[in-house]
């Protein structure tokens, strides 16, 4: 278990510089890896994300978290 900080730049072709925290199994994932998500309620695509940092046991173990990012939305990793 751990936490991934990921970002996306576009959603459906529209600029959307979102940053989110995803929690779950981080084994086998690394900074720069990408993954897709879907909306839990309707199964529609939610975004293509790039991992910026990995946090394990409360410490950043890979990557960095940019200063100035004030809020995160927490999502579950499958």
PDB file of N, CA and C in Angstrom:
ATOM      1  N   UNK A   1       0.838  -1.193   0.000  1.00  0.00           N
ATOM      2  CA  UNK A   1       0.000   0.000   0.000  1.00  0.00           C
ATOM      3  C   UNK A   1       0.874   1.245   0.000  1.00  0.00           C
ATOM      4  N   UNK A   2       0.369   2.260  -0.628  1.00  0.00           N
ATOM      5  CA  UNK A   2       1.089   3.524  -0.681  1.00  0.00           C
ATOM      6  C   UNK A   2       0.231   4.560  -1.374  1.00  0.00           C
ATOM      7  N   UNK A   3       0.858   5.643  -1.758  1.00  0.00           N
ATOM      8  CA  UNK A   3       0.157   6.755  -2.378  1.00  0.00           C
ATOM      9  C   UNK A   3       0.918   7.188  -3.616  1.00  0.00           C
ATOM     10  N   UNK A   4       0.173   7.504  -4.660  1.00  0.00           N
ATOM     11  CA  UNK A   4       0.758   8.026  -5.892  1.00  0.00           C
ATOM     12  C   UNK A   4       0.220   9.426  -6.104  1.00  0.00           C
ATOM     13  N   UNK A   5       1.092  10.360  -6.427  1.00  0.00           N
ATOM     14  CA  UNK A   5       0.678  11.690  -6.847  1.00  0.00           C
ATOM     15  C   UNK A   5       0.824  11.714  -8.358  1.00  0.00           C
ATOM     16  N   UNK A   6      -0.281  11.941  -9.058  1.00  0.00           N
ATOM     17  CA  UNK A   6      -0.266  11.906 -10.516  1.00  0.00           C
ATOM     18  C   UNK A   6      -0.907  13.164 -11.081  1.00  0.00           C
ATOM     19  N   UNK A   7      -0.535  13.485 -12.306  1.00  0.00           N
ATOM     20  CA  UNK A   7      -1.088  14.669 -12.961  1.00  0.00           C
ATOM     21  C   UNK A   7      -1.557  14.311 -14.358  1.00  0.00           C
ATOM     22  N   UNK A   8      -2.417  15.175 -14.894  1.00  0.00           N
ATOM     23  CA  UNK A   8      -2.825  15.047 -16.286  1.00  0.00           C
ATOM     24  C   UNK A   8      -2.850  16.453 -16.872  1.00  0.00           C
ATOM     25  N   UNK A   9      -2.669  16.554 -18.171  1.00  0.00           N
ATOM     26  CA  UNK A   9      -2.678  17.863 -18.806  1.00  0.00           C
ATOM     27  C   UNK A   9      -3.904  18.074 -19.673  1.00  0.00           C
ATOM     28  N   UNK A  10      -4.484  16.992 -20.178  1.00  0.00           N
ATOM     29  CA  UNK A  10      -5.644  17.121 -21.050  1.00  0.00           C
ATOM     30  C   UNK A  10      -6.667  16.034 -20.745  1.00  0.00           C
ATOM     31  N   UNK A  11      -7.943  16.408 -20.890  1.00  0.00           N
ATOM     32  CA  UNK A  11      -9.038  15.460 -20.777  1.00  0.00           C
ATOM     33  C   UNK A  11      -9.951  15.705 -21.970  1.00  0.00           C
ATOM     34  N   UNK A  12     -10.156  14.691 -22.780  1.00  0.00           N
ATOM     35  CA  UNK A  12     -10.973  14.809 -23.990  1.00  0.00           C
ATOM     36  C   UNK A  12     -10.502  15.973 -24.861  1.00  0.00           C
ATOM     37  N   UNK A  13      -9.184  16.162 -24.933  1.00  0.00           N
ATOM     38  CA  UNK A  13      -8.613  17.196 -25.774  1.00  0.00           C
ATOM     39  C   UNK A  13      -8.612  18.592 -25.187  1.00  0.00           C
ATOM     40  N   UNK A  14      -9.175  18.747 -23.991  1.00  0.00           N
ATOM     41  CA  UNK A  14      -9.247  20.058 -23.347  1.00  0.00           C
ATOM     42  C   UNK A  14      -8.206  20.128 -22.240  1.00  0.00           C
ATOM     43  N   UNK A  15      -7.488  21.249 -22.155  1.00  0.00           N
ATOM     44  CA  UNK A  15      -6.465  21.395 -21.121  1.00  0.00           C
ATOM     45  C   UNK A  15      -7.080  21.304 -19.732  1.00  0.00           C
ATOM     46  N   UNK A  16      -6.510  20.473 -18.889  1.00  0.00           N
ATOM     47  CA  UNK A  16      -7.003  20.275 -17.530  1.00  0.00           C
ATOM     48  C   UNK A  16      -5.826  19.841 -16.662  1.00  0.00           C
ATOM     49  N   UNK A  17      -5.064  20.792 -16.107  1.00  0.00           N
ATOM     50  CA  UNK A  17      -3.867  20.453 -15.353  1.00  0.00           C
ATOM     51  C   UNK A  17      -4.173  19.944 -13.945  1.00  0.00           C
ATOM     52  N   UNK A  18      -4.947  18.884 -13.852  1.00  0.00           N
ATOM     53  CA  UNK A  18      -5.341  18.331 -12.556  1.00  0.00           C
ATOM     54  C   UNK A  18      -4.192  17.561 -11.915  1.00  0.00           C
ATOM     55  N   UNK A  19      -4.177  17.586 -10.590  1.00  0.00           N
ATOM     56  CA  UNK A  19      -3.249  16.773  -9.801  1.00  0.00           C
ATOM     57  C   UNK A  19      -4.082  16.039  -8.772  1.00  0.00           C
ATOM     58  N   UNK A  20      -3.863  14.739  -8.623  1.00  0.00           N
ATOM     59  CA  UNK A  20      -4.644  13.941  -7.693  1.00  0.00           C
ATOM     60  C   UNK A  20      -3.733  13.006  -6.916  1.00  0.00           C
ATOM     61  N   UNK A  21      -4.230  12.588  -5.771  1.00  0.00           N
ATOM     62  CA  UNK A  21      -3.586  11.521  -5.001  1.00  0.00           C
ATOM     63  C   UNK A  21      -4.404  10.258  -5.209  1.00  0.00           C
ATOM     64  N   UNK A  22      -3.722   9.171  -5.522  1.00  0.00           N
ATOM     65  CA  UNK A  22      -4.345   7.858  -5.647  1.00  0.00           C
ATOM     66  C   UNK A  22      -3.750   6.970  -4.566  1.00  0.00           C
ATOM     67  N   UNK A  23      -4.583   6.223  -3.869  1.00  0.00           N
ATOM     68  CA  UNK A  23      -4.085   5.334  -2.823  1.00  0.00           C
ATOM     69  C   UNK A  23      -4.306   3.888  -3.227  1.00  0.00           C
ATOM     70  N   UNK A  24      -3.397   3.021  -2.808  1.00  0.00           N
ATOM     71  CA  UNK A  24      -3.550   1.601  -3.103  1.00  0.00           C
ATOM     72  C   UNK A  24      -2.204   0.937  -3.269  1.00  0.00           C
ATOM     73  N   UNK A  25      -2.177  -0.121  -4.052  1.00  0.00           N
ATOM     74  CA  UNK A  25      -0.979  -0.911  -4.264  1.00  0.00           C
ATOM     75  C   UNK A  25      -0.068  -0.172  -5.243  1.00  0.00           C
ATOM     76  N   UNK A  26       1.088   0.292  -4.775  1.00  0.00           N
ATOM     77  CA  UNK A  26       2.000   1.033  -5.637  1.00  0.00           C
ATOM     78  C   UNK A  26       3.148   0.166  -6.155  1.00  0.00           C
ATOM     79  N   UNK A  27       3.140  -1.123  -5.814  1.00  0.00           N
ATOM     80  CA  UNK A  27       4.228  -1.986  -6.277  1.00  0.00           C
ATOM     81  C   UNK A  27       4.213  -2.068  -7.799  1.00  0.00           C
ATOM     82  N   UNK A  28       5.400  -2.034  -8.373  1.00  0.00           N
ATOM     83  CA  UNK A  28       5.524  -2.106  -9.817  1.00  0.00           C
ATOM     84  C   UNK A  28       5.258  -0.798 -10.535  1.00  0.00           C
ATOM     85  N   UNK A  29       4.980   0.275  -9.798  1.00  0.00           N
ATOM     86  CA  UNK A  29       4.730   1.584 -10.414  1.00  0.00           C
ATOM     87  C   UNK A  29       5.894   2.505 -10.102  1.00  0.00           C
ATOM     88  N   UNK A  30       6.203   3.410 -11.048  1.00  0.00           N
ATOM     89  CA  UNK A  30       7.327   4.312 -10.845  1.00  0.00           C
ATOM     90  C   UNK A  30       7.008   5.673 -11.443  1.00  0.00           C
ATOM     91  N   UNK A  31       7.794   6.670 -11.070  1.00  0.00           N
ATOM     92  CA  UNK A  31       7.629   8.019 -11.594  1.00  0.00           C
ATOM     93  C   UNK A  31       7.772   7.971 -13.117  1.00  0.00           C
ATOM     94  N   UNK A  32       6.862   8.637 -13.802  1.00  0.00           N
ATOM     95  CA  UNK A  32       6.862   8.652 -15.262  1.00  0.00           C
ATOM     96  C   UNK A  32       5.928   7.627 -15.879  1.00  0.00           C
ATOM     97  N   UNK A  33       5.530   6.607 -15.097  1.00  0.00           N
ATOM     98  CA  UNK A  33       4.561   5.626 -15.600  1.00  0.00           C
ATOM     99  C   UNK A  33       3.217   6.308 -15.824  1.00  0.00           C
ATOM    100  N   UNK A  34       2.431   5.774 -16.716  1.00  0.00           N
ATOM    101  CA  UNK A  34       1.103   6.324 -16.981  1.00  0.00           C
ATOM    102  C   UNK A  34       0.036   5.273 -16.712  1.00  0.00           C
ATOM    103  N   UNK A  35      -1.176   5.739 -16.438  1.00  0.00           N
ATOM    104  CA  UNK A  35      -2.314   4.846 -16.265  1.00  0.00           C
ATOM    105  C   UNK A  35      -3.590   5.604 -16.576  1.00  0.00           C
ATOM    106  N   UNK A  36      -4.638   4.871 -16.893  1.00  0.00           N
ATOM    107  CA  UNK A  36      -5.938   5.457 -17.183  1.00  0.00           C
ATOM    108  C   UNK A  36      -6.887   5.190 -16.030  1.00  0.00           C
ATOM    109  N   UNK A  37      -7.863   6.067 -15.851  1.00  0.00           N
ATOM    110  CA  UNK A  37      -8.887   5.861 -14.836  1.00  0.00           C
ATOM    111  C   UNK A  37     -10.267   5.985 -15.477  1.00  0.00           C
ATOM    112  N   UNK A  38     -11.252   5.422 -14.800  1.00  0.00           N
ATOM    113  CA  UNK A  38     -12.641   5.532 -15.246  1.00  0.00           C
ATOM    114  C   UNK A  38     -13.489   6.011 -14.072  1.00  0.00           C
ATOM    115  N   UNK A  39     -14.589   6.698 -14.399  1.00  0.00           N
ATOM    116  CA  UNK A  39     -15.514   7.150 -13.361  1.00  0.00           C
ATOM    117  C   UNK A  39     -16.170   5.945 -12.709  1.00  0.00           C
ATOM    118  N   UNK A  40     -16.225   5.956 -11.392  1.00  0.00           N
ATOM    119  CA  UNK A  40     -16.803   4.851 -10.643  1.00  0.00           C
ATOM    120  C   UNK A  40     -18.302   4.721 -10.907  1.00  0.00           C
ATOM    121  N   UNK A  41     -19.003   5.861 -11.080  1.00  0.00           N
ATOM    122  CA  UNK A  41     -20.462   5.822 -11.197  1.00  0.00           C
ATOM    123  C   UNK A  41     -20.961   5.424 -12.572  1.00  0.00           C
ATOM    124  N   UNK A  42     -20.212   5.759 -13.648  1.00  0.00           N
ATOM    125  CA  UNK A  42     -20.734   5.454 -14.983  1.00  0.00           C
ATOM    126  C   UNK A  42     -19.766   4.696 -15.883  1.00  0.00           C
ATOM    127  N   UNK A  43     -18.579   4.400 -15.399  1.00  0.00           N
ATOM    128  CA  UNK A  43     -17.634   3.612 -16.179  1.00  0.00           C
ATOM    129  C   UNK A  43     -17.013   4.347 -17.356  1.00  0.00           C
ATOM    130  N   UNK A  44     -17.212   5.655 -17.453  1.00  0.00           N
ATOM    131  CA  UNK A  44     -16.655   6.444 -18.551  1.00  0.00           C
ATOM    132  C   UNK A  44     -15.205   6.832 -18.250  1.00  0.00           C
ATOM    133  N   UNK A  45     -14.398   7.036 -19.291  1.00  0.00           N
ATOM    134  CA  UNK A  45     -13.000   7.427 -19.072  1.00  0.00           C
ATOM    135  C   UNK A  45     -12.896   8.715 -18.254  1.00  0.00           C
ATOM    136  N   UNK A  46     -11.910   8.737 -17.352  1.00  0.00           N
ATOM    137  CA  UNK A  46     -11.748   9.875 -16.446  1.00  0.00           C
ATOM    138  C   UNK A  46     -10.440  10.617 -16.697  1.00  0.00           C
ATOM    139  N   UNK A  47      -9.488   9.975 -17.333  1.00  0.00           N
ATOM    140  CA  UNK A  47      -8.239  10.678 -17.604  1.00  0.00           C
ATOM    141  C   UNK A  47      -7.056   9.750 -17.769  1.00  0.00           C
ATOM    142  N   UNK A  48      -6.035  10.276 -18.406  1.00  0.00           N
ATOM    143  CA  UNK A  48      -4.765   9.590 -18.611  1.00  0.00           C
ATOM    144  C   UNK A  48      -3.761  10.306 -17.722  1.00  0.00           C
ATOM    145  N   UNK A  49      -3.216   9.602 -16.741  1.00  0.00           N
ATOM    146  CA  UNK A  49      -2.406  10.196 -15.687  1.00  0.00           C
ATOM    147  C   UNK A  49      -0.940   9.812 -15.824  1.00  0.00           C
ATOM    148  N   UNK A  50      -0.057  10.705 -15.376  1.00  0.00           N
ATOM    149  CA  UNK A  50       1.378  10.435 -15.322  1.00  0.00           C
ATOM    150  C   UNK A  50       1.821  10.570 -13.870  1.00  0.00           C
ATOM    151  N   UNK A  51       2.511   9.561 -13.370  1.00  0.00           N
ATOM    152  CA  UNK A  51       2.944   9.562 -11.973  1.00  0.00           C
ATOM    153  C   UNK A  51       4.075  10.566 -11.768  1.00  0.00           C
ATOM    154  N   UNK A  52       3.879  11.469 -10.796  1.00  0.00           N
ATOM    155  CA  UNK A  52       4.871  12.492 -10.461  1.00  0.00           C
ATOM    156  C   UNK A  52       5.667  12.127  -9.212  1.00  0.00           C
ATOM    157  N   UNK A  53       5.034  11.418  -8.279  1.00  0.00           N
ATOM    158  CA  UNK A  53       5.711  11.053  -7.031  1.00  0.00           C
ATOM    159  C   UNK A  53       5.030   9.836  -6.423  1.00  0.00           C
ATOM    160  N   UNK A  54       5.789   9.102  -5.630  1.00  0.00           N
ATOM    161  CA  UNK A  54       5.270   7.951  -4.891  1.00  0.00           C
ATOM    162  C   UNK A  54       5.591   8.170  -3.420  1.00  0.00           C
ATOM    163  N   UNK A  55       4.577   7.994  -2.587  1.00  0.00           N
ATOM    164  CA  UNK A  55       4.732   8.173  -1.141  1.00  0.00           C
ATOM    165  C   UNK A  55       4.486   6.826  -0.474  1.00  0.00           C
ATOM    166  N   UNK A  56       5.426   6.378   0.333  1.00  0.00           N
ATOM    167  CA  UNK A  56       5.295   5.116   1.048  1.00  0.00           C
ATOM    168  C   UNK A  56       5.557   5.373   2.523  1.00  0.00           C
ATOM    169  N   UNK A  57       4.636   4.922   3.376  1.00  0.00           N
ATOM    170  CA  UNK A  57       4.750   5.141   4.818  1.00  0.00           C
ATOM    171  C   UNK A  57       4.971   6.615   5.163  1.00  0.00           C
ATOM    172  N   UNK A  58       4.270   7.490   4.452  1.00  0.00           N
ATOM    173  CA  UNK A  58       4.324   8.914   4.758  1.00  0.00           C
ATOM    174  C   UNK A  58       5.534   9.659   4.235  1.00  0.00           C
ATOM    175  N   UNK A  59       6.409   8.981   3.490  1.00  0.00           N
ATOM    176  CA  UNK A  59       7.611   9.630   2.959  1.00  0.00           C
ATOM    177  C   UNK A  59       7.641   9.524   1.447  1.00  0.00           C
ATOM    178  N   UNK A  60       8.121  10.571   0.795  1.00  0.00           N
ATOM    179  CA  UNK A  60       8.285  10.535  -0.656  1.00  0.00           C
ATOM    180  C   UNK A  60       9.447   9.602  -0.963  1.00  0.00           C
ATOM    181  N   UNK A  61       9.160   8.517  -1.669  1.00  0.00           N
ATOM    182  CA  UNK A  61      10.194   7.536  -1.979  1.00  0.00           C
ATOM    183  C   UNK A  61      10.664   7.638  -3.430  1.00  0.00           C
ATOM    184  N   UNK A  62       9.947   8.408  -4.244  1.00  0.00           N
ATOM    185  CA  UNK A  62      10.360   8.633  -5.636  1.00  0.00           C
ATOM    186  C   UNK A  62       9.675   9.889  -6.144  1.00  0.00           C
ATOM    187  N   UNK A  63      10.381  10.654  -6.984  1.00  0.00           N
ATOM    188  CA  UNK A  63       9.792  11.849  -7.575  1.00  0.00           C
ATOM    189  C   UNK A  63       9.708  13.007  -6.606  1.00  0.00           C
ATOM    190  N   UNK A  64       8.940  14.028  -7.007  1.00  0.00           N
ATOM    191  CA  UNK A  64       8.768  15.224  -6.198  1.00  0.00           C
ATOM    192  C   UNK A  64       7.332  15.707  -6.276  1.00  0.00           C
ATOM    193  N   UNK A  65       6.947  16.480  -5.285  1.00  0.00           N
ATOM    194  CA  UNK A  65       5.645  17.131  -5.274  1.00  0.00           C
ATOM    195  C   UNK A  65       5.902  18.621  -5.425  1.00  0.00           C
ATOM    196  N   UNK A  66       5.338  19.219  -6.463  1.00  0.00           N
ATOM    197  CA  UNK A  66       5.567  20.639  -6.720  1.00  0.00           C
ATOM    198  C   UNK A  66       4.966  21.502  -5.631  1.00  0.00           C
ATOM    199  N   UNK A  67       5.693  22.542  -5.255  1.00  0.00           N
ATOM    200  CA  UNK A  67       5.161  23.505  -4.291  1.00  0.00           C
ATOM    201  C   UNK A  67       4.016  24.270  -4.936  1.00  0.00           C
ATOM    202  N   UNK A  68       3.120  24.746  -4.111  1.00  0.00           N
ATOM    203  CA  UNK A  68       2.018  25.540  -4.618  1.00  0.00           C
ATOM    204  C   UNK A  68       0.776  24.730  -4.929  1.00  0.00           C
ATOM    205  N   UNK A  69       0.868  23.406  -4.845  1.00  0.00           N
ATOM    206  CA  UNK A  69      -0.303  22.568  -5.052  1.00  0.00           C
ATOM    207  C   UNK A  69      -1.012  22.450  -3.716  1.00  0.00           C
ATOM    208  N   UNK A  70      -2.196  23.022  -3.624  1.00  0.00           N
ATOM    209  CA  UNK A  70      -2.861  23.150  -2.326  1.00  0.00           C
ATOM    210  C   UNK A  70      -3.846  22.052  -2.027  1.00  0.00           C
ATOM    211  N   UNK A  71      -4.498  21.499  -3.038  1.00  0.00           N
ATOM    212  CA  UNK A  71      -5.546  20.523  -2.752  1.00  0.00           C
ATOM    213  C   UNK A  71      -5.386  19.287  -3.633  1.00  0.00           C
ATOM    214  N   UNK A  72      -5.846  18.177  -3.108  1.00  0.00           N
ATOM    215  CA  UNK A  72      -5.814  16.921  -3.845  1.00  0.00           C
ATOM    216  C   UNK A  72      -7.163  16.230  -3.694  1.00  0.00           C
ATOM    217  N   UNK A  73      -7.498  15.436  -4.652  1.00  0.00           N
ATOM    218  CA  UNK A  73      -8.669  14.563  -4.569  1.00  0.00           C
ATOM    219  C   UNK A  73      -8.124  13.145  -4.460  1.00  0.00           C
ATOM    220  N   UNK A  74      -8.588  12.373  -3.517  1.00  0.00           N
ATOM    221  CA  UNK A  74      -8.073  11.021  -3.293  1.00  0.00           C
ATOM    222  C   UNK A  74      -8.914  10.013  -4.072  1.00  0.00           C
ATOM    223  N   UNK A  75      -8.248   9.155  -4.823  1.00  0.00           N
ATOM    224  CA  UNK A  75      -8.881   8.106  -5.601  1.00  0.00           C
ATOM    225  C   UNK A  75      -8.247   6.774  -5.241  1.00  0.00           C
ATOM    226  N   UNK A  76      -8.976   5.696  -5.487  1.00  0.00           N
ATOM    227  CA  UNK A  76      -8.453   4.371  -5.204  1.00  0.00           C
ATOM    228  C   UNK A  76      -7.790   3.784  -6.433  1.00  0.00           C
ATOM    229  N   UNK A  77      -6.626   3.146  -6.240  1.00  0.00           N
ATOM    230  CA  UNK A  77      -5.956   2.415  -7.306  1.00  0.00           C
ATOM    231  C   UNK A  77      -6.406   0.967  -7.272  1.00  0.00           C
ATOM    232  N   UNK A  78      -6.648   0.419  -8.430  1.00  0.00           N
ATOM    233  CA  UNK A  78      -7.049  -0.986  -8.511  1.00  0.00           C
ATOM    234  C   UNK A  78      -5.866  -1.897  -8.426  1.00  0.00           C
TER     235      UNK A  78
END
